[in-house]
């Protein structure tokens, strides 16, 4: 597991279900490009307050102890495209496919 801040995220509640997800190194929120559910739009990190619904995520617990991250606006989940392990891997939204590309571990400091 890498411990650098590029892979560390802060979850800030927006209500009792959804969170903004902010990268610790950049201080930018995880967001959907143009707030659209069309296609598999690449995820963007943007400056913001997390007030737009497309900037908000729900942690959905899965049976294996991992989580999916579900977008409030689109209902799609976060995934690593092609399950890539490259440092430059594309992270995008997609429909739930129940694969390892869409499962994330949440590790508390």
Protein backbone atom coordinates (compact mmCIF):
# COMPACT_ATOMS: atom_id res chain seq x y z
CA UNK A 1 0.00 0.00 0.00
CA UNK A 2 1.30 3.45 -0.88
CA UNK A 3 1.21 5.99 1.89
CA UNK A 4 1.77 9.14 -0.16
CA UNK A 5 -0.85 11.87 -0.11
CA UNK A 6 -1.77 11.32 -3.77
CA UNK A 7 -3.62 8.20 -2.65
CA UNK A 8 -5.11 9.66 0.53
CA UNK A 9 -8.62 11.08 0.54
CA UNK A 10 -10.74 12.88 3.11
CA UNK A 11 -14.45 12.01 3.33
CA UNK A 12 -16.52 14.98 4.50
CA UNK A 13 -20.23 14.32 5.16
CA UNK A 14 -22.73 16.45 3.25
CA UNK A 15 -25.65 14.75 5.00
CA UNK A 16 -26.12 11.41 6.74
CA UNK A 17 -25.48 9.37 3.55
CA UNK A 18 -23.26 11.27 1.09
CA UNK A 19 -19.73 12.68 1.27
CA UNK A 20 -17.42 14.93 -0.67
CA UNK A 21 -14.16 13.11 -1.36
CA UNK A 22 -11.11 15.39 -1.31
CA UNK A 23 -7.56 14.50 -2.32
CA UNK A 24 -5.21 15.34 0.56
CA UNK A 25 -2.31 16.40 -1.64
CA UNK A 26 -4.22 18.58 -4.11
CA UNK A 27 -7.11 19.71 -1.91
CA UNK A 28 -9.50 19.10 -4.80
CA UNK A 29 -12.82 17.25 -4.79
CA UNK A 30 -13.60 14.14 -6.80
CA UNK A 31 -16.28 15.11 -9.35
CA UNK A 32 -18.03 13.96 -12.51
CA UNK A 33 -16.96 15.73 -15.71
CA UNK A 34 -19.76 18.14 -16.67
CA UNK A 35 -22.07 16.45 -14.11
CA UNK A 36 -23.22 14.02 -16.79
CA UNK A 37 -24.20 10.37 -16.70
CA UNK A 38 -23.53 9.99 -20.43
CA UNK A 39 -20.95 7.34 -21.22
CA UNK A 40 -18.08 6.66 -18.87
CA UNK A 41 -17.01 10.26 -18.31
CA UNK A 42 -13.59 10.53 -16.76
CA UNK A 43 -13.48 11.70 -13.19
CA UNK A 44 -12.16 15.17 -12.54
CA UNK A 45 -10.71 16.74 -9.46
CA UNK A 46 -11.88 20.30 -9.14
CA UNK A 47 -11.78 23.11 -6.68
CA UNK A 48 -15.11 23.40 -5.00
CA UNK A 49 -17.21 23.11 -1.94
CA UNK A 50 -18.87 19.79 -2.75
CA UNK A 51 -22.26 21.48 -2.94
CA UNK A 52 -23.16 20.08 -6.37
CA UNK A 53 -24.83 16.68 -6.19
CA UNK A 54 -22.42 15.33 -8.82
CA UNK A 55 -19.56 16.03 -6.38
CA UNK A 56 -21.07 13.78 -3.72
CA UNK A 57 -20.52 10.06 -3.13
CA UNK A 58 -22.10 7.30 -1.05
CA UNK A 59 -19.99 4.47 0.37
CA UNK A 60 -21.79 1.21 -0.37
CA UNK A 61 -20.44 -1.68 1.75
CA UNK A 62 -19.84 -4.94 -0.11
CA UNK A 63 -19.73 -8.49 1.24
CA UNK A 64 -15.92 -8.79 0.99
CA UNK A 65 -15.19 -5.77 3.22
CA UNK A 66 -14.59 -3.36 0.34
CA UNK A 67 -16.82 -0.48 -0.76
CA UNK A 68 -18.18 0.91 -3.98
CA UNK A 69 -18.45 4.69 -4.33
CA UNK A 70 -21.83 5.65 -5.81
CA UNK A 71 -22.34 9.10 -7.30
CA UNK A 72 -25.36 11.00 -5.97
CA UNK A 73 -26.42 12.38 -9.37
CA UNK A 74 -25.72 9.55 -11.78
CA UNK A 75 -26.08 6.49 -9.55
CA UNK A 76 -22.98 5.13 -11.28
CA UNK A 77 -19.96 3.83 -9.41
CA UNK A 78 -16.32 4.86 -9.44
CA UNK A 79 -13.96 2.45 -11.22
CA UNK A 80 -10.38 2.17 -12.38
CA UNK A 81 -10.61 1.73 -16.15
CA UNK A 82 -9.52 -1.74 -17.21
CA UNK A 83 -8.45 -2.51 -13.62
CA UNK A 84 -5.15 -0.82 -14.46
CA UNK A 85 -2.47 -0.60 -11.78
CA UNK A 86 -0.50 2.11 -13.63
CA UNK A 87 0.15 5.39 -11.82
CA UNK A 88 -1.60 7.14 -14.73
CA UNK A 89 -4.69 4.90 -14.73
CA UNK A 90 -7.96 6.54 -15.73
CA UNK A 91 -10.59 6.66 -13.00
CA UNK A 92 -14.13 6.97 -14.32
CA UNK A 93 -17.78 6.25 -13.56
CA UNK A 94 -19.63 3.23 -14.89
CA UNK A 95 -22.68 1.09 -14.21
CA UNK A 96 -22.18 -1.51 -11.46
CA UNK A 97 -20.44 -4.54 -13.01
CA UNK A 98 -19.51 -6.28 -9.73
CA UNK A 99 -15.81 -6.49 -10.59
CA UNK A 100 -12.59 -5.69 -8.73
CA UNK A 101 -12.14 -2.42 -10.69
CA UNK A 102 -15.11 -0.99 -8.76
CA UNK A 103 -14.14 -2.11 -5.25
CA UNK A 104 -12.17 0.13 -2.89
CA UNK A 105 -10.70 -0.34 0.56
CA UNK A 106 -11.19 2.38 3.13
CA UNK A 107 -8.27 2.51 5.55
CA UNK A 108 -8.50 4.75 8.59
CA UNK A 109 -5.34 6.58 9.70
